[in-house]
N, C-alpha and C. Protein backbone atom coordinates (compact mmCIF):
# COMPACT_ATOMS: atom_id res chain seq x y z
N MET A 1 12.73 17.73 -45.61
CA MET A 1 13.76 17.16 -46.43
C MET A 1 13.31 16.83 -47.77
N ARG A 2 14.06 17.23 -48.62
CA ARG A 2 13.63 16.97 -50.05
C ARG A 2 14.51 15.84 -50.60
N ILE A 3 14.05 14.75 -51.37
CA ILE A 3 14.66 13.71 -51.85
C ILE A 3 14.82 13.89 -53.43
N GLU A 4 15.96 13.69 -53.94
CA GLU A 4 16.12 13.82 -55.36
C GLU A 4 16.71 12.51 -55.89
N PHE A 5 16.25 12.14 -57.05
CA PHE A 5 16.75 10.88 -57.59
C PHE A 5 17.59 11.22 -58.75
N SER A 6 18.94 10.61 -58.90
CA SER A 6 19.65 10.93 -59.92
C SER A 6 20.19 9.45 -60.70
N GLU A 7 20.51 9.66 -61.85
CA GLU A 7 20.83 8.38 -62.60
C GLU A 7 22.36 8.15 -62.11
N GLY A 8 22.75 6.80 -62.05
CA GLY A 8 24.02 6.48 -61.62
C GLY A 8 24.00 5.13 -60.59
N THR A 9 25.15 4.94 -60.28
CA THR A 9 25.25 3.72 -59.36
C THR A 9 25.92 4.25 -58.02
N ALA A 10 25.87 3.34 -56.99
CA ALA A 10 26.36 3.72 -55.73
C ALA A 10 27.87 4.08 -55.90
N ALA A 11 28.65 3.44 -56.83
CA ALA A 11 30.01 3.88 -57.02
C ALA A 11 30.16 5.35 -57.49
N GLU A 12 29.15 5.83 -58.22
CA GLU A 12 29.12 7.23 -58.65
C GLU A 12 28.60 8.10 -57.62
N PHE A 13 28.01 7.61 -56.56
CA PHE A 13 27.29 8.48 -55.60
C PHE A 13 28.26 9.30 -54.72
N LYS A 14 28.38 10.58 -54.68
CA LYS A 14 29.39 11.23 -54.03
C LYS A 14 28.77 12.09 -52.89
N GLY A 15 27.62 11.82 -52.51
CA GLY A 15 27.03 12.48 -51.30
C GLY A 15 26.27 13.78 -51.82
N VAL A 16 25.87 14.65 -50.80
CA VAL A 16 25.18 15.91 -51.16
C VAL A 16 25.88 17.09 -50.61
N ASP A 17 25.48 18.28 -51.38
CA ASP A 17 26.10 19.53 -51.00
C ASP A 17 25.24 20.22 -50.05
N HIS A 18 24.06 19.97 -50.06
CA HIS A 18 23.06 20.74 -49.19
C HIS A 18 22.50 19.76 -48.05
N ALA A 19 22.51 20.29 -46.88
CA ALA A 19 22.10 19.55 -45.63
C ALA A 19 20.72 19.07 -45.79
N ASP A 20 19.79 19.76 -46.46
CA ASP A 20 18.40 19.25 -46.43
C ASP A 20 17.94 18.53 -47.61
N VAL A 21 19.02 18.08 -48.53
CA VAL A 21 18.69 17.26 -49.59
C VAL A 21 19.32 15.90 -49.62
N LEU A 22 18.48 14.91 -49.67
CA LEU A 22 19.15 13.59 -49.67
C LEU A 22 19.06 13.01 -51.22
N THR A 23 20.32 12.87 -51.96
CA THR A 23 20.25 12.39 -53.22
C THR A 23 20.54 10.80 -53.20
N VAL A 24 19.44 10.18 -53.97
CA VAL A 24 19.41 8.76 -53.99
C VAL A 24 19.58 8.35 -55.49
N PRO A 25 20.84 7.79 -55.83
CA PRO A 25 20.84 7.30 -57.33
C PRO A 25 19.59 6.29 -57.61
N THR A 26 19.07 6.51 -58.81
CA THR A 26 18.00 5.63 -59.15
C THR A 26 18.60 4.22 -59.37
N GLY A 27 17.78 3.18 -58.93
CA GLY A 27 18.17 1.76 -59.08
C GLY A 27 19.01 1.45 -57.84
N MET A 28 19.25 2.34 -56.86
CA MET A 28 20.03 2.01 -55.77
C MET A 28 19.03 1.38 -54.79
N ASN A 29 19.35 0.10 -54.31
CA ASN A 29 18.45 -0.71 -53.50
C ASN A 29 18.93 -0.29 -52.25
N MET A 30 17.94 -0.04 -51.22
CA MET A 30 18.25 0.33 -49.87
C MET A 30 18.92 -0.84 -49.08
N ASN A 31 18.89 -2.19 -49.64
CA ASN A 31 19.62 -3.28 -49.02
C ASN A 31 20.95 -3.56 -49.66
N GLN A 32 21.39 -2.68 -50.57
CA GLN A 32 22.71 -2.61 -51.36
C GLN A 32 23.71 -2.45 -50.27
N THR A 33 24.90 -3.03 -50.60
CA THR A 33 26.09 -2.70 -49.58
C THR A 33 27.05 -1.69 -50.32
N MET A 34 27.66 -1.08 -49.53
CA MET A 34 28.55 0.07 -49.97
C MET A 34 29.97 -0.28 -49.43
N THR A 35 30.93 0.06 -50.26
CA THR A 35 32.43 -0.07 -49.72
C THR A 35 32.67 1.08 -48.75
N VAL A 36 33.76 0.96 -48.13
CA VAL A 36 34.29 2.05 -47.21
C VAL A 36 34.45 3.33 -47.92
N PRO A 37 35.14 3.34 -49.12
CA PRO A 37 35.25 4.69 -49.83
C PRO A 37 33.84 5.28 -50.25
N GLU A 38 33.03 4.35 -50.67
CA GLU A 38 31.60 5.01 -51.08
C GLU A 38 30.98 5.51 -49.78
N VAL A 39 30.96 5.02 -48.69
CA VAL A 39 30.33 5.45 -47.43
C VAL A 39 31.17 6.78 -47.01
N ALA A 40 32.46 6.79 -47.26
CA ALA A 40 33.35 7.97 -46.88
C ALA A 40 32.83 9.11 -47.83
N ALA A 41 32.55 8.84 -49.04
CA ALA A 41 32.15 9.96 -49.91
C ALA A 41 30.79 10.40 -49.46
N MET A 42 29.94 9.56 -49.22
CA MET A 42 28.45 9.92 -48.80
C MET A 42 28.52 10.78 -47.45
N LEU A 43 29.37 10.36 -46.58
CA LEU A 43 29.35 11.16 -45.32
C LEU A 43 30.33 12.38 -45.25
N ASN A 44 31.05 12.58 -46.49
CA ASN A 44 32.07 13.57 -46.57
C ASN A 44 33.05 13.47 -45.50
N VAL A 45 33.72 12.32 -45.32
CA VAL A 45 34.65 11.99 -44.35
C VAL A 45 35.69 11.16 -44.96
N THR A 46 36.92 10.91 -44.47
CA THR A 46 37.92 9.95 -44.93
C THR A 46 37.52 8.42 -44.74
N PRO A 47 37.97 7.64 -45.60
CA PRO A 47 37.74 6.24 -45.32
C PRO A 47 38.31 5.74 -44.03
N LYS A 48 39.45 6.25 -43.66
CA LYS A 48 39.89 5.89 -42.38
C LYS A 48 38.96 6.23 -41.16
N TYR A 49 38.28 7.32 -41.30
CA TYR A 49 37.28 7.70 -40.28
C TYR A 49 36.08 6.65 -40.28
N VAL A 50 35.65 6.36 -41.47
CA VAL A 50 34.67 5.33 -41.64
C VAL A 50 35.12 4.08 -40.79
N VAL A 51 36.28 3.59 -41.06
CA VAL A 51 36.72 2.35 -40.40
C VAL A 51 36.62 2.54 -38.89
N LYS A 52 37.09 3.82 -38.35
CA LYS A 52 37.10 4.04 -37.04
C LYS A 52 35.51 4.00 -36.49
N LEU A 53 34.55 4.60 -37.27
CA LEU A 53 33.15 4.37 -36.95
C LEU A 53 32.78 2.99 -36.82
N ILE A 54 33.24 2.11 -37.69
CA ILE A 54 32.85 0.84 -37.70
C ILE A 54 33.55 0.18 -36.39
N ARG A 55 34.89 0.39 -36.14
CA ARG A 55 35.55 -0.32 -35.12
C ARG A 55 34.94 0.11 -33.80
N ASP A 56 34.44 1.31 -33.61
CA ASP A 56 33.95 2.01 -32.29
C ASP A 56 32.39 1.55 -32.27
N GLY A 57 31.95 0.68 -33.19
CA GLY A 57 30.63 0.29 -33.14
C GLY A 57 29.40 1.23 -33.48
N LYS A 58 29.83 2.35 -34.02
CA LYS A 58 28.84 3.49 -34.33
C LYS A 58 28.17 3.35 -35.76
N LEU A 59 28.92 2.34 -36.53
CA LEU A 59 28.30 2.02 -37.93
C LEU A 59 28.52 0.65 -38.09
N ARG A 60 27.34 -0.12 -38.35
CA ARG A 60 27.38 -1.52 -38.61
C ARG A 60 27.97 -1.88 -39.92
N ALA A 61 28.75 -2.92 -39.94
CA ALA A 61 29.41 -3.46 -41.12
C ALA A 61 29.62 -4.86 -41.03
N SER A 62 29.80 -5.40 -42.28
CA SER A 62 30.20 -6.83 -42.50
C SER A 62 31.54 -6.82 -42.94
N VAL A 63 32.36 -7.83 -42.57
CA VAL A 63 33.68 -8.08 -43.04
C VAL A 63 33.80 -9.26 -43.98
N SER A 64 34.40 -9.06 -45.23
CA SER A 64 34.53 -10.19 -46.10
C SER A 64 35.70 -11.13 -45.81
N ALA A 65 35.75 -12.21 -46.41
CA ALA A 65 37.08 -13.15 -46.09
C ALA A 65 38.29 -12.43 -46.46
N ASP A 66 38.39 -11.42 -47.26
CA ASP A 66 39.59 -10.83 -47.48
C ASP A 66 39.90 -9.46 -46.60
N GLY A 67 38.97 -9.45 -45.61
CA GLY A 67 39.07 -8.36 -44.68
C GLY A 67 38.53 -6.96 -45.01
N ARG A 68 37.90 -6.91 -46.09
CA ARG A 68 37.23 -5.69 -46.53
C ARG A 68 35.84 -5.47 -45.88
N HIS A 69 35.61 -4.14 -45.32
CA HIS A 69 34.32 -3.89 -44.76
C HIS A 69 33.25 -3.52 -45.86
N THR A 70 32.11 -3.84 -45.62
CA THR A 70 30.98 -3.45 -46.53
C THR A 70 29.81 -2.96 -45.57
N VAL A 71 29.17 -2.02 -45.73
CA VAL A 71 28.09 -1.36 -45.02
C VAL A 71 26.83 -1.41 -45.87
N ALA A 72 25.70 -1.75 -45.22
CA ALA A 72 24.36 -1.69 -45.77
C ALA A 72 24.08 -0.13 -46.17
N SER A 73 23.62 0.01 -47.31
CA SER A 73 23.46 1.66 -47.63
C SER A 73 22.40 2.07 -46.63
N ARG A 74 21.41 1.24 -46.18
CA ARG A 74 20.43 1.74 -45.23
C ARG A 74 21.02 2.22 -43.86
N ASP A 75 22.15 1.58 -43.50
CA ASP A 75 22.75 1.87 -42.19
C ASP A 75 23.71 3.03 -42.50
N ALA A 76 24.29 3.21 -43.63
CA ALA A 76 25.06 4.45 -43.90
C ALA A 76 24.18 5.62 -43.89
N LYS A 77 22.90 5.58 -44.66
CA LYS A 77 22.03 6.80 -44.62
C LYS A 77 21.48 6.98 -43.21
N ALA A 78 21.21 6.03 -42.50
CA ALA A 78 20.67 6.12 -41.03
C ALA A 78 21.74 6.89 -40.33
N TYR A 79 23.01 6.62 -40.44
CA TYR A 79 24.06 7.10 -39.64
C TYR A 79 24.20 8.73 -40.10
N ARG A 80 24.19 8.93 -41.42
CA ARG A 80 24.28 10.38 -41.90
C ARG A 80 23.04 11.23 -41.42
N LEU A 81 21.86 10.67 -41.34
CA LEU A 81 20.77 11.39 -40.98
C LEU A 81 20.86 11.81 -39.42
N GLU A 82 21.40 10.73 -38.61
CA GLU A 82 21.47 10.97 -37.23
C GLU A 82 22.55 11.90 -36.95
N ALA A 83 23.71 11.94 -37.71
CA ALA A 83 24.68 12.90 -37.59
C ALA A 83 24.29 14.31 -37.88
N ARG A 84 23.40 14.45 -38.92
CA ARG A 84 22.84 15.69 -39.20
C ARG A 84 21.87 16.23 -38.00
N ARG A 85 21.21 15.40 -37.48
CA ARG A 85 20.29 15.74 -36.32
C ARG A 85 21.07 16.25 -35.34
N ARG A 86 22.18 15.45 -34.90
CA ARG A 86 23.07 15.90 -33.80
C ARG A 86 23.57 17.35 -34.03
N GLY A 87 24.02 17.40 -35.38
CA GLY A 87 24.65 18.73 -35.76
C GLY A 87 23.74 19.90 -35.55
N ARG A 88 22.54 19.72 -36.13
CA ARG A 88 21.40 20.73 -36.02
C ARG A 88 21.17 21.16 -34.51
N LYS A 89 21.06 20.00 -33.79
CA LYS A 89 20.78 20.15 -32.38
C LYS A 89 21.88 21.00 -31.48
N ALA A 90 23.09 20.64 -31.89
CA ALA A 90 24.21 21.40 -31.44
C ALA A 90 24.30 22.93 -31.78
N LEU A 91 23.89 23.05 -32.99
CA LEU A 91 23.96 24.58 -33.64
C LEU A 91 22.74 25.33 -32.88
N GLU A 92 21.71 24.71 -32.70
CA GLU A 92 20.44 25.32 -32.02
C GLU A 92 20.87 25.56 -30.61
N GLU A 93 21.56 24.75 -29.92
CA GLU A 93 21.91 25.00 -28.65
C GLU A 93 22.96 26.07 -28.45
N LEU A 94 23.76 26.16 -29.35
CA LEU A 94 24.90 27.17 -29.49
C LEU A 94 24.21 28.47 -29.58
N ALA A 95 23.25 28.52 -30.54
CA ALA A 95 22.55 29.78 -30.87
C ALA A 95 21.76 30.17 -29.51
N ARG A 96 21.14 29.38 -29.02
CA ARG A 96 20.35 29.77 -27.70
C ARG A 96 21.29 30.26 -26.65
N VAL A 97 22.36 29.57 -26.29
CA VAL A 97 23.36 29.98 -25.34
C VAL A 97 23.96 31.41 -25.68
N SER A 98 24.35 31.51 -26.94
CA SER A 98 24.86 32.81 -27.36
C SER A 98 23.84 33.93 -27.10
N GLN A 99 22.53 33.66 -27.47
CA GLN A 99 21.55 34.65 -27.35
C GLN A 99 21.44 35.08 -25.85
N GLU A 100 21.39 34.07 -25.00
CA GLU A 100 21.24 34.25 -23.63
C GLU A 100 22.34 34.98 -23.01
N ALA A 101 23.50 34.87 -23.53
CA ALA A 101 24.71 35.52 -23.04
C ALA A 101 24.78 36.92 -23.76
N GLY A 102 23.92 37.29 -24.52
CA GLY A 102 23.87 38.59 -25.11
C GLY A 102 24.95 38.85 -26.12
N ILE A 103 25.64 37.84 -26.58
CA ILE A 103 26.59 38.04 -27.60
C ILE A 103 26.16 38.67 -28.85
N TYR A 104 24.90 38.58 -29.21
CA TYR A 104 24.37 39.30 -30.30
C TYR A 104 23.47 40.52 -30.09
N GLY A 105 23.83 41.14 -29.00
CA GLY A 105 23.23 42.32 -28.62
C GLY A 105 23.60 43.58 -29.63
N LYS A 106 22.92 44.59 -29.46
CA LYS A 106 23.01 45.73 -30.39
C LYS A 106 24.30 46.25 -30.18
N GLN A 107 25.18 46.55 -31.13
CA GLN A 107 26.39 47.15 -31.13
C GLN A 107 26.40 48.54 -31.32
N LYS A 108 27.35 49.35 -30.65
CA LYS A 108 27.44 50.65 -30.70
C LYS A 108 28.51 51.26 -31.47
């Protein structure tokens, strides 16, 4: 994995386009909290899905007095890395099963 640092704040952080590159804005403290829309942008999902992850206990979050969720950036990044690992593992298994089934055999 390659880590790139860019100027900006967590609010400007929009995630990454490449699966093997983790972009970390400079000055972003790993203990910093992120809002649901910021986490959604990093994970490339909707804010509604982030709230579902929180409610399902898959992503740790704190709730402020006004009912807003915040997520520690380290927790959001850990979730993203684990989701990538699960995705890669699933693709590798799909490729293995496809090869064993002969789906990619020589075509006539």
